[in-house]
Structures are given as C-alpha cells and as structure tokens.
Amino acid sequence: AAVILGIFAETAHQLTWRVLRQDREAELLFRGMAYRRAIENYYRVDGSFPQKLEDLASDPRLPSRRHLRSLYPDPFATDEQKDWLVFRAADGGIRAVASSSREKPIKQANFPAGLEKLAGAASYRDWVFEFIPELKHQ
C-alpha cells in the first residue's frame, strides 16, 4: 500500500508541476505579446523605439499616453535572472523582449498566428517577442 501511495504521490507531483509550468508559459506568451504590441504602439507615434521598458508605461514624449498599464515581470524570473532580455534596434531603442530563463519550454508547436517562429525553441530566451516595422515602398 505504501508503494502504491508513493507512486500516486509522485504522479500527482509530476502532473501538478506540468500544469503549473504550462500556466507560466501561457502567461509568458500573454506578457510577451503585450510588450510587443506596446512597442509597436510606441513606434507608431513617431517612428522611434522606446529607450527603456518604463517608457511603455509612461511615454516621455506624450505624458498622458501609456502603451502598457504597468510593467509585467518575467513569469520565469529568478533571483539571479530578474529582468527581461531586451533587444535593441539600430537607433538604440528596444525592439523586442524575451524571458531571461534558460529552461526548455514544454510547448514546442501549435503557436498562435504570428508566433510560429517560437516552435522548437531550446529555451524561453528563444521566445523573442519582436516588433519589426514594415518598410514603406516608394
């Protein structure tokens, strides 16, 4: 009976861990896309990228404008890796964010439209939420 109880306990632990991890992945997708949309909205004002993430919550160019209600923490942040990774554009502004986590994602396929490039990622650092402006044709 003790062995069977131990097997059930271990199975329950593994299932709980997986469900919690999948919830954090879903939250990472939500927050990453929120940052991507905020960077896009910021860019659309005058064609420049934000210099820091805080500019998305309080746009220094238009004090009454907010592109994010508040800054979201990385759902996979740890004491050693607290902040989002930021990717800079040619002008020095932020064009993308990614988790700083080196953990391997559970989700490897079936991403929503626009996020197909996240498939097969080796770590959450590879889940880059990037805004790429469309080039204007002349």
Foldseek 3Di string as FASTA:
>chain_A
DVVVVVVVVVVVVVVVVVVVLVVLVVVQVVLQQLQQQLQVVLCVVPNDGALDSVCQQAPPVDRVDHSDVDHDWRSPADPVFTHWDFDADPVNHTFKTWGPWQDAHPDQQDDPPPQRQSHPDNGRRSSIRGDDDDDDDD
